[in-house]
Amino acid sequence: MIKKFSTIIGVLAIAFSLQNCQNLDRPELGDYPKDNANLPEGNLRFFIPFDKQHEQLRFQFAEELSGYPSYMPDKTISSTEGISSKGYKGSISAHLNYLNPNDFVKKAQSFSVSYWMKHAPTTTNAEFIFSIPSSNGHWTKGTLMLMKESTANGIAVKFIIVDKDNKDTWLTWEGANSVAPVGFFDNQWHHCVFVYDAATSALTFYKDGVKVGTEKKWGTHGAVNMDPTKVTGFKLGGPSGADSWMKSWNGSLDQFRLYASALSSAEIQDLYNGKK
């Protein structure tokens, strides 16, 4: 009886020890047992200010509405002086991963993406501002993504959207319509907003409060209709796929926002003037 009791105690001790080891090995995943955030109302559905007060970087970079931190950042990623308090300093070899973009994909029919960026004059291939990975089977392994690339014509800006039926579009400012690097990729902070309006099926690009070139049309597609059931995360400063030309953002970012609405010119000016 004593021997049997000792054996039981030993088994329990080993199990307790293993549980403690698991807790020590994976502390960064403890904040994501399930997605049950109580999100506020409004068109702003995802927001990273990058300036939370915390000793750990992943909590400094927490998403504002859900309160969820990023997953453990690579050591090549750091905090930097932003346009408003602190910002994100990216790396060519790494990016930030989040649980998801909250309910942005579910709610967005029209949408807007707003952020501040700072980058040196050239990129290393196509560098991604963000991507929303998906198990939709599309070759990009995503449903929404934005990249910028330095070319002989200037800075090419490319937006890819994939709907729930895997119909996709590239809405781009490239070739003769590329953006001049002067006043854009110059190691200074610049405000960027992309507005997709379902009523016109058009994507408009604003830099520092001013419309860039002409809007880009997705035919008569209308609402974006992405598939929220297949979203597998959110990548800040990184691609959804792993093709050799897909690179992480090797610059800085601040005040990253996703809206489930088409922002007006007045709302864009407010973000720009307020350094939001």
C-alpha atoms as a PDB file:
ATOM      1  CA  MET A   1       0.000   0.000   0.000  1.00  0.00           C
ATOM      2  CA  ILE A   2       2.813   2.372   0.930  1.00  0.00           C
ATOM      3  CA  LYS A   3       4.642   1.506  -2.313  1.00  0.00           C
ATOM      4  CA  LYS A   4       1.484   2.182  -4.369  1.00  0.00           C
ATOM      5  CA  PHE A   5       0.927   5.507  -2.617  1.00  0.00           C
ATOM      6  CA  SER A   6       4.552   6.523  -3.258  1.00  0.00           C
ATOM      7  CA  THR A   7       4.152   5.680  -6.950  1.00  0.00           C
ATOM      8  CA  ILE A   8       1.048   7.892  -7.221  1.00  0.00           C
ATOM      9  CA  ILE A   9       2.855  10.774  -5.508  1.00  0.00           C
ATOM     10  CA  GLY A  10       5.776  10.348  -7.910  1.00  0.00           C
ATOM     11  CA  VAL A  11       3.526  10.447 -10.984  1.00  0.00           C
ATOM     12  CA  LEU A  12       1.775  13.577  -9.723  1.00  0.00           C
ATOM     13  CA  ALA A  13       5.117  15.254  -9.044  1.00  0.00           C
ATOM     14  CA  ILE A  14       6.337  14.513 -12.578  1.00  0.00           C
ATOM     15  CA  ALA A  15       3.089  15.835 -14.090  1.00  0.00           C
ATOM     16  CA  PHE A  16       3.340  19.023 -12.030  1.00  0.00           C
ATOM     17  CA  SER A  17       6.954  19.460 -13.103  1.00  0.00           C
ATOM     18  CA  LEU A  18       6.065  19.016 -16.785  1.00  0.00           C
ATOM     19  CA  GLN A  19       3.254  21.544 -16.489  1.00  0.00           C
ATOM     20  CA  ASN A  20       5.632  24.085 -14.990  1.00  0.00           C
ATOM     21  CA  CYS A  21       8.122  23.451 -17.797  1.00  0.00           C
ATOM     22  CA  GLN A  22       5.409  24.067 -20.377  1.00  0.00           C
ATOM     23  CA  ASN A  23       4.498  27.332 -18.694  1.00  0.00           C
ATOM     24  CA  LEU A  24       8.124  28.428 -18.741  1.00  0.00           C
ATOM     25  CA  ASP A  25       8.652  27.378 -22.347  1.00  0.00           C
ATOM     26  CA  ARG A  26       5.643  29.206 -23.807  1.00  0.00           C
ATOM     27  CA  PRO A  27       4.754  32.227 -21.639  1.00  0.00           C
ATOM     28  CA  GLU A  28       4.173  34.377 -24.720  1.00  0.00           C
ATOM     29  CA  LEU A  29       1.129  32.308 -25.752  1.00  0.00           C
ATOM     30  CA  GLY A  30      -0.674  32.625 -22.439  1.00  0.00           C
ATOM     31  CA  ASP A  31      -2.467  35.791 -23.525  1.00  0.00           C
ATOM     32  CA  TYR A  32      -4.231  34.032 -26.399  1.00  0.00           C
ATOM     33  CA  PRO A  33      -6.312  31.169 -24.970  1.00  0.00           C
ATOM     34  CA  LYS A  34      -9.258  32.235 -27.163  1.00  0.00           C
ATOM     35  CA  ASP A  35     -10.513  35.271 -29.050  1.00  0.00           C
ATOM     36  CA  ASN A  36     -13.134  36.787 -26.766  1.00  0.00           C
ATOM     37  CA  ALA A  37     -12.302  40.509 -26.810  1.00  0.00           C
ATOM     38  CA  ASN A  38     -15.156  42.910 -26.043  1.00  0.00           C
ATOM     39  CA  LEU A  39     -14.648  45.433 -28.837  1.00  0.00           C
ATOM     40  CA  PRO A  40     -16.099  48.967 -28.831  1.00  0.00           C
ATOM     41  CA  GLU A  41     -18.569  50.174 -31.452  1.00  0.00           C
ATOM     42  CA  GLY A  42     -17.523  52.348 -34.381  1.00  0.00           C
ATOM     43  CA  ASN A  43     -15.754  52.089 -37.726  1.00  0.00           C
ATOM     44  CA  LEU A  44     -12.256  51.849 -36.245  1.00  0.00           C
ATOM     45  CA  ARG A  45     -11.764  48.086 -35.903  1.00  0.00           C
ATOM     46  CA  PHE A  46      -8.011  47.682 -35.342  1.00  0.00           C
ATOM     47  CA  PHE A  47      -5.436  50.142 -33.985  1.00  0.00           C
ATOM     48  CA  ILE A  48      -1.798  49.811 -32.905  1.00  0.00           C
ATOM     49  CA  PRO A  49      -0.357  53.012 -31.341  1.00  0.00           C
ATOM     50  CA  PHE A  50       2.974  51.305 -30.418  1.00  0.00           C
ATOM     51  CA  ASP A  51       3.335  53.312 -27.204  1.00  0.00           C
ATOM     52  CA  LYS A  52       1.937  51.281 -24.306  1.00  0.00           C
ATOM     53  CA  GLN A  53       3.870  51.593 -21.052  1.00  0.00           C
ATOM     54  CA  HIS A  54       5.379  48.176 -20.407  1.00  0.00           C
ATOM     55  CA  GLU A  55       8.847  46.663 -20.041  1.00  0.00           C
ATOM     56  CA  GLN A  56       8.092  43.980 -22.648  1.00  0.00           C
ATOM     57  CA  LEU A  57       8.010  45.068 -26.288  1.00  0.00           C
ATOM     58  CA  ARG A  58       5.082  42.827 -27.206  1.00  0.00           C
ATOM     59  CA  PHE A  59       2.914  44.650 -24.673  1.00  0.00           C
ATOM     60  CA  GLN A  60       4.204  48.067 -25.799  1.00  0.00           C
ATOM     61  CA  PHE A  61       2.948  47.073 -29.254  1.00  0.00           C
ATOM     62  CA  ALA A  62      -0.451  45.814 -28.021  1.00  0.00           C
ATOM     63  CA  GLU A  63      -3.528  46.356 -30.182  1.00  0.00           C
ATOM     64  CA  GLU A  64      -5.634  49.121 -28.632  1.00  0.00           C
ATOM     65  CA  LEU A  65      -9.232  47.882 -29.003  1.00  0.00           C
ATOM     66  CA  SER A  66      -8.794  44.256 -27.911  1.00  0.00           C
ATOM     67  CA  GLY A  67      -5.855  44.849 -25.597  1.00  0.00           C
ATOM     68  CA  TYR A  68      -4.099  41.825 -27.097  1.00  0.00           C
ATOM     69  CA  PRO A  69      -0.299  42.098 -27.363  1.00  0.00           C
ATOM     70  CA  SER A  70       1.650  40.890 -30.363  1.00  0.00           C
ATOM     71  CA  TYR A  71       3.269  37.486 -30.258  1.00  0.00           C
ATOM     72  CA  MET A  72       6.876  37.545 -29.082  1.00  0.00           C
ATOM     73  CA  PRO A  73       8.818  39.883 -31.444  1.00  0.00           C
ATOM     74  CA  ASP A  74      12.071  38.916 -33.104  1.00  0.00           C
ATOM     75  CA  LYS A  75      15.129  40.537 -31.503  1.00  0.00           C
ATOM     76  CA  THR A  76      15.742  42.549 -34.693  1.00  0.00           C
ATOM     77  CA  ILE A  77      12.498  44.502 -34.091  1.00  0.00           C
ATOM     78  CA  SER A  78      12.596  47.470 -31.723  1.00  0.00           C
ATOM     79  CA  SER A  79      10.810  50.577 -30.466  1.00  0.00           C
ATOM     80  CA  THR A  80      11.753  53.958 -31.928  1.00  0.00           C
ATOM     81  CA  GLU A  81      10.677  57.588 -31.748  1.00  0.00           C
ATOM     82  CA  GLY A  82       7.402  57.814 -33.645  1.00  0.00           C
ATOM     83  CA  ILE A  83       5.338  60.621 -35.097  1.00  0.00           C
ATOM     84  CA  SER A  84       3.349  60.476 -31.869  1.00  0.00           C
ATOM     85  CA  SER A  85       5.306  59.197 -28.868  1.00  0.00           C
ATOM     86  CA  LYS A  86       6.846  55.785 -29.668  1.00  0.00           C
ATOM     87  CA  GLY A  87       6.786  53.848 -32.938  1.00  0.00           C
ATOM     88  CA  TYR A  88       7.773  50.533 -34.519  1.00  0.00           C
ATOM     89  CA  LYS A  89      11.220  49.942 -36.058  1.00  0.00           C
ATOM     90  CA  GLY A  90      11.009  47.062 -38.488  1.00  0.00           C
ATOM     91  CA  SER A  91      13.503  44.553 -39.799  1.00  0.00           C
ATOM     92  CA  ILE A  92      14.146  43.087 -43.233  1.00  0.00           C
ATOM     93  CA  SER A  93      14.107  39.619 -41.679  1.00  0.00           C
ATOM     94  CA  ALA A  94      11.128  39.789 -39.291  1.00  0.00           C
ATOM     95  CA  HIS A  95       7.689  41.261 -38.615  1.00  0.00           C
ATOM     96  CA  LEU A  96       5.031  41.369 -35.884  1.00  0.00           C
ATOM     97  CA  ASN A  97       2.331  38.705 -35.607  1.00  0.00           C
ATOM     98  CA  TYR A  98      -1.061  39.272 -33.988  1.00  0.00           C
ATOM     99  CA  LEU A  99      -3.921  36.889 -33.250  1.00  0.00           C
ATOM    100  CA  ASN A 100      -6.128  38.538 -35.893  1.00  0.00           C
ATOM    101  CA  PRO A 101      -7.273  41.976 -37.131  1.00  0.00           C
ATOM    102  CA  ASN A 102     -10.228  41.826 -34.701  1.00  0.00           C
ATOM    103  CA  ASP A 103     -13.513  41.865 -36.659  1.00  0.00           C
ATOM    104  CA  PHE A 104     -12.219  44.126 -39.437  1.00  0.00           C
ATOM    105  CA  VAL A 105     -12.539  41.475 -42.178  1.00  0.00           C
ATOM    106  CA  LYS A 106     -16.072  40.590 -41.071  1.00  0.00           C
ATOM    107  CA  LYS A 107     -17.299  44.186 -40.974  1.00  0.00           C
ATOM    108  CA  ALA A 108     -15.400  45.781 -43.871  1.00  0.00           C
ATOM    109  CA  GLN A 109     -17.268  46.246 -47.137  1.00  0.00           C
ATOM    110  CA  SER A 110     -15.684  49.623 -47.702  1.00  0.00           C
ATOM    111  CA  PHE A 111     -12.434  50.101 -45.751  1.00  0.00           C
ATOM    112  CA  SER A 112      -9.587  52.483 -44.950  1.00  0.00           C
ATOM    113  CA  VAL A 113      -5.999  51.824 -43.891  1.00  0.00           C
ATOM    114  CA  SER A 114      -4.149  54.665 -42.150  1.00  0.00           C
ATOM    115  CA  TYR A 115      -0.587  54.776 -40.806  1.00  0.00           C
ATOM    116  CA  TRP A 116       2.582  56.840 -40.535  1.00  0.00           C
ATOM    117  CA  MET A 117       5.770  55.511 -42.143  1.00  0.00           C
ATOM    118  CA  LYS A 118       9.457  56.343 -42.375  1.00  0.00           C
ATOM    119  CA  HIS A 119      11.894  54.614 -44.741  1.00  0.00           C
ATOM    120  CA  ALA A 120      15.294  55.046 -46.377  1.00  0.00           C
ATOM    121  CA  PRO A 121      15.345  55.929 -50.127  1.00  0.00           C
ATOM    122  CA  THR A 122      15.334  52.319 -51.371  1.00  0.00           C
ATOM    123  CA  THR A 123      13.737  48.998 -50.446  1.00  0.00           C
ATOM    124  CA  THR A 124      15.000  45.423 -50.624  1.00  0.00           C
ATOM    125  CA  ASN A 125      12.531  44.037 -53.179  1.00  0.00           C
ATOM    126  CA  ALA A 126       8.814  44.386 -52.259  1.00  0.00           C
ATOM    127  CA  GLU A 127       8.463  45.289 -48.566  1.00  0.00           C
ATOM    128  CA  PHE A 128       5.076  44.714 -46.933  1.00  0.00           C
ATOM    129  CA  ILE A 129       3.381  47.264 -44.681  1.00  0.00           C
ATOM    130  CA  PHE A 130       0.887  44.629 -43.543  1.00  0.00           C
ATOM    131  CA  SER A 131      -0.933  41.496 -44.617  1.00  0.00           C
ATOM    132  CA  ILE A 132      -3.926  39.486 -43.441  1.00  0.00           C
ATOM    133  CA  PRO A 133      -3.069  35.787 -43.913  1.00  0.00           C
ATOM    134  CA  SER A 134      -5.821  33.370 -44.878  1.00  0.00           C
ATOM    135  CA  SER A 135      -6.388  29.671 -45.511  1.00  0.00           C
ATOM    136  CA  ASN A 136      -8.410  30.596 -48.622  1.00  0.00           C
ATOM    137  CA  GLY A 137      -6.044  28.739 -50.968  1.00  0.00           C
ATOM    138  CA  HIS A 138      -5.004  31.870 -52.858  1.00  0.00           C
ATOM    139  CA  TRP A 139      -1.366  31.854 -53.995  1.00  0.00           C
ATOM    140  CA  THR A 140      -0.580  34.873 -51.775  1.00  0.00           C
ATOM    141  CA  LYS A 141      -1.818  32.954 -48.711  1.00  0.00           C
ATOM    142  CA  GLY A 142      -3.719  36.096 -47.749  1.00  0.00           C
ATOM    143  CA  THR A 143      -6.857  38.180 -48.271  1.00  0.00           C
ATOM    144  CA  LEU A 144      -5.534  41.757 -47.983  1.00  0.00           C
ATOM    145  CA  MET A 145      -2.001  43.138 -48.217  1.00  0.00           C
ATOM    146  CA  LEU A 146      -0.006  46.260 -49.048  1.00  0.00           C
ATOM    147  CA  MET A 147       3.555  46.470 -50.325  1.00  0.00           C
ATOM    148  CA  LYS A 148       5.954  49.168 -51.519  1.00  0.00           C
ATOM    149  CA  GLU A 149       8.993  48.719 -53.735  1.00  0.00           C
ATOM    150  CA  SER A 150      11.694  51.040 -55.051  1.00  0.00           C
ATOM    151  CA  THR A 151      12.067  50.817 -58.843  1.00  0.00           C
ATOM    152  CA  ALA A 152      13.740  52.764 -61.649  1.00  0.00           C
ATOM    153  CA  ASN A 153      10.498  54.765 -61.990  1.00  0.00           C
ATOM    154  CA  GLY A 154      10.152  55.574 -58.288  1.00  0.00           C
ATOM    155  CA  ILE A 155       8.274  53.890 -55.452  1.00  0.00           C
ATOM    156  CA  ALA A 156       5.744  51.314 -56.674  1.00  0.00           C
ATOM    157  CA  VAL A 157       2.740  50.968 -54.352  1.00  0.00           C
ATOM    158  CA  LYS A 158       0.692  47.763 -54.665  1.00  0.00           C
ATOM    159  CA  PHE A 159      -2.518  46.736 -52.896  1.00  0.00           C
ATOM    160  CA  ILE A 160      -3.881  43.186 -53.272  1.00  0.00           C
ATOM    161  CA  ILE A 161      -7.441  42.227 -52.297  1.00  0.00           C
ATOM    162  CA  VAL A 162      -8.850  38.676 -52.385  1.00  0.00           C
ATOM    163  CA  ASP A 163     -12.589  38.157 -51.858  1.00  0.00           C
ATOM    164  CA  LYS A 164     -14.418  35.130 -50.415  1.00  0.00           C
ATOM    165  CA  ASP A 165     -14.651  33.543 -53.878  1.00  0.00           C
ATOM    166  CA  ASN A 166     -10.887  33.960 -54.399  1.00  0.00           C
ATOM    167  CA  LYS A 167     -11.452  36.678 -56.980  1.00  0.00           C
ATOM    168  CA  ASP A 168      -8.521  39.057 -56.648  1.00  0.00           C
ATOM    169  CA  THR A 169      -7.255  42.418 -57.819  1.00  0.00           C
ATOM    170  CA  TRP A 170      -3.986  44.326 -57.856  1.00  0.00           C
ATOM    171  CA  LEU A 171      -4.624  48.043 -57.376  1.00  0.00           C
ATOM    172  CA  THR A 172      -1.287  49.721 -58.017  1.00  0.00           C
ATOM    173  CA  TRP A 173       0.629  52.931 -58.492  1.00  0.00           C
ATOM    174  CA  GLU A 174       3.603  51.725 -60.515  1.00  0.00           C
ATOM    175  CA  GLY A 175       5.487  52.274 -63.759  1.00  0.00           C
ATOM    176  CA  ALA A 176       4.808  55.805 -64.968  1.00  0.00           C
ATOM    177  CA  ASN A 177       2.410  56.213 -62.023  1.00  0.00           C
ATOM    178  CA  SER A 178       5.012  55.342 -59.367  1.00  0.00           C
ATOM    179  CA  VAL A 179       5.451  57.788 -56.501  1.00  0.00           C
ATOM    180  CA  ALA A 180       8.589  59.945 -56.450  1.00  0.00           C
ATOM    181  CA  PRO A 181      10.871  58.923 -53.548  1.00  0.00           C
ATOM    182  CA  VAL A 182      11.590  62.596 -52.776  1.00  0.00           C
ATOM    183  CA  GLY A 183       9.163  63.612 -50.037  1.00  0.00           C
ATOM    184  CA  PHE A 184       8.204  59.975 -49.473  1.00  0.00           C
ATOM    185  CA  PHE A 185      11.128  57.587 -48.933  1.00  0.00           C
ATOM    186  CA  ASP A 186      13.451  60.146 -47.365  1.00  0.00           C
ATOM    187  CA  ASN A 187      13.916  59.012 -43.735  1.00  0.00           C
ATOM    188  CA  GLN A 188      11.140  61.377 -42.620  1.00  0.00           C
ATOM    189  CA  TRP A 189       7.678  60.598 -41.270  1.00  0.00           C
ATOM    190  CA  HIS A 190       4.865  60.581 -43.842  1.00  0.00           C
ATOM    191  CA  HIS A 191       1.160  59.872 -43.444  1.00  0.00           C
ATOM    192  CA  CYS A 192      -0.498  57.328 -45.764  1.00  0.00           C
ATOM    193  CA  VAL A 193      -4.189  56.496 -46.127  1.00  0.00           C
ATOM    194  CA  PHE A 194      -5.801  54.032 -48.546  1.00  0.00           C
ATOM    195  CA  VAL A 195      -9.574  54.297 -48.944  1.00  0.00           C
ATOM    196  CA  TYR A 196     -11.642  51.634 -50.714  1.00  0.00           C
ATOM    197  CA  ASP A 197     -15.218  52.775 -51.420  1.00  0.00           C
ATOM    198  CA  ALA A 198     -17.648  49.937 -52.179  1.00  0.00           C
ATOM    199  CA  ALA A 199     -19.997  52.408 -53.881  1.00  0.00           C
ATOM    200  CA  THR A 200     -17.416  53.117 -56.605  1.00  0.00           C
ATOM    201  CA  SER A 201     -15.218  49.973 -56.385  1.00  0.00           C
ATOM    202  CA  ALA A 202     -12.260  52.372 -56.247  1.00  0.00           C
ATOM    203  CA  LEU A 203      -9.151  52.618 -54.073  1.00  0.00           C
ATOM    204  CA  THR A 204      -7.756  56.099 -53.400  1.00  0.00           C
ATOM    205  CA  PHE A 205      -4.286  56.801 -52.000  1.00  0.00           C
ATOM    206  CA  TYR A 206      -3.508  59.875 -49.867  1.00  0.00           C
ATOM    207  CA  LYS A 207      -0.007  60.920 -48.827  1.00  0.00           C
ATOM    208  CA  ASP A 208       0.355  63.646 -46.205  1.00  0.00           C
ATOM    209  CA  GLY A 209      -3.297  64.563 -46.672  1.00  0.00           C
ATOM    210  CA  VAL A 210      -3.075  64.921 -50.474  1.00  0.00           C
ATOM    211  CA  LYS A 211      -4.518  62.516 -53.060  1.00  0.00           C
ATOM    212  CA  VAL A 212      -1.824  60.689 -55.057  1.00  0.00           C
ATOM    213  CA  GLY A 213      -2.443  60.259 -58.798  1.00  0.00           C
ATOM    214  CA  THR A 214      -5.764  58.741 -59.817  1.00  0.00           C
ATOM    215  CA  GLU A 215      -7.967  56.250 -57.988  1.00  0.00           C
ATOM    216  CA  LYS A 216      -7.678  52.589 -58.968  1.00  0.00           C
ATOM    217  CA  LYS A 217     -10.857  50.685 -59.866  1.00  0.00           C
ATOM    218  CA  TRP A 218     -11.789  47.060 -59.185  1.00  0.00           C
ATOM    219  CA  GLY A 219     -14.224  46.975 -62.089  1.00  0.00           C
ATOM    220  CA  THR A 220     -17.760  46.929 -60.683  1.00  0.00           C
ATOM    221  CA  HIS A 221     -16.903  44.579 -57.812  1.00  0.00           C
ATOM    222  CA  GLY A 222     -18.523  46.671 -55.074  1.00  0.00           C
ATOM    223  CA  ALA A 223     -18.159  45.449 -51.467  1.00  0.00           C
ATOM    224  CA  VAL A 224     -14.853  43.687 -50.818  1.00  0.00           C
ATOM    225  CA  ASN A 225     -16.534  40.595 -49.284  1.00  0.00           C
ATOM    226  CA  MET A 226     -13.470  38.963 -47.749  1.00  0.00           C
ATOM    227  CA  ASP A 227     -13.906  35.661 -45.878  1.00  0.00           C
ATOM    228  CA  PRO A 228     -13.517  36.179 -42.102  1.00  0.00           C
ATOM    229  CA  THR A 229     -13.811  32.442 -41.378  1.00  0.00           C
ATOM    230  CA  LYS A 230     -10.474  31.747 -43.082  1.00  0.00           C
ATOM    231  CA  VAL A 231      -8.384  34.532 -41.547  1.00  0.00           C
ATOM    232  CA  THR A 232      -5.423  33.002 -39.703  1.00  0.00           C
ATOM    233  CA  GLY A 233      -3.781  36.061 -38.137  1.00  0.00           C
ATOM    234  CA  PHE A 234      -2.479  39.550 -38.797  1.00  0.00           C
ATOM    235  CA  LYS A 235       1.043  40.504 -39.857  1.00  0.00           C
ATOM    236  CA  LEU A 236       2.339  44.011 -39.234  1.00  0.00           C
ATOM    237  CA  GLY A 237       5.322  44.780 -41.445  1.00  0.00           C
ATOM    238  CA  GLY A 238       5.328  41.396 -43.154  1.00  0.00           C
ATOM    239  CA  PRO A 239       3.903  39.303 -46.022  1.00  0.00           C
ATOM    240  CA  SER A 240       1.318  36.546 -45.747  1.00  0.00           C
ATOM    241  CA  GLY A 241       3.336  34.291 -48.060  1.00  0.00           C
ATOM    242  CA  ALA A 242       6.953  33.155 -48.179  1.00  0.00           C
ATOM    243  CA  ASP A 243       7.967  33.791 -51.801  1.00  0.00           C
ATOM    244  CA  SER A 244      11.532  35.070 -52.180  1.00  0.00           C
ATOM    245  CA  TRP A 245      10.404  38.495 -53.428  1.00  0.00           C
ATOM    246  CA  MET A 246       8.174  39.065 -50.386  1.00  0.00           C
ATOM    247  CA  LYS A 247      10.122  41.027 -47.759  1.00  0.00           C
ATOM    248  CA  SER A 248       9.364  42.489 -44.350  1.00  0.00           C
ATOM    249  CA  TRP A 249       9.144  46.249 -43.834  1.00  0.00           C
ATOM    250  CA  ASN A 250      12.653  47.560 -43.172  1.00  0.00           C
ATOM    251  CA  GLY A 251      11.447  50.964 -42.000  1.00  0.00           C
ATOM    252  CA  SER A 252       9.394  52.495 -39.195  1.00  0.00           C
ATOM    253  CA  LEU A 253       5.625  52.613 -38.623  1.00  0.00           C
ATOM    254  CA  ASP A 254       3.329  54.420 -36.223  1.00  0.00           C
ATOM    255  CA  GLN A 255      -0.395  54.840 -35.530  1.00  0.00           C
ATOM    256  CA  PHE A 256      -1.571  51.900 -37.652  1.00  0.00           C
ATOM    257  CA  ARG A 257      -5.360  51.855 -38.112  1.00  0.00           C
ATOM    258  CA  LEU A 258      -7.928  49.726 -39.968  1.00  0.00           C
ATOM    259  CA  TYR A 259     -11.414  51.172 -40.506  1.00  0.00           C
ATOM    260  CA  ALA A 260     -14.500  49.335 -41.773  1.00  0.00           C
ATOM    261  CA  SER A 261     -15.553  52.441 -43.700  1.00  0.00           C
ATOM    262  CA  ALA A 262     -14.389  54.806 -46.420  1.00  0.00           C
ATOM    263  CA  LEU A 263     -12.882  57.801 -44.625  1.00  0.00           C
ATOM    264  CA  SER A 264     -13.809  61.254 -45.892  1.00  0.00           C
ATOM    265  CA  SER A 265     -11.253  63.870 -46.931  1.00  0.00           C
ATOM    266  CA  ALA A 266     -12.018  65.779 -43.722  1.00  0.00           C
ATOM    267  CA  GLU A 267     -11.366  62.688 -41.580  1.00  0.00           C
ATOM    268  CA  ILE A 268      -8.081  62.089 -43.393  1.00  0.00           C
ATOM    269  CA  GLN A 269      -7.009  65.688 -42.830  1.00  0.00           C
ATOM    270  CA  ASP A 270      -7.820  65.335 -39.135  1.00  0.00           C
ATOM    271  CA  LEU A 271      -5.572  62.268 -38.863  1.00  0.00           C
ATOM    272  CA  TYR A 272      -2.760  64.014 -40.724  1.00  0.00           C
ATOM    273  CA  ASN A 273      -2.956  67.364 -38.923  1.00  0.00           C
ATOM    274  CA  GLY A 274      -3.283  65.678 -35.533  1.00  0.00           C
ATOM    275  CA  LYS A 275      -0.404  63.260 -36.221  1.00  0.00           C
ATOM    276  CA  LYS A 276      -2.794  60.416 -35.437  1.00  0.00           C
END
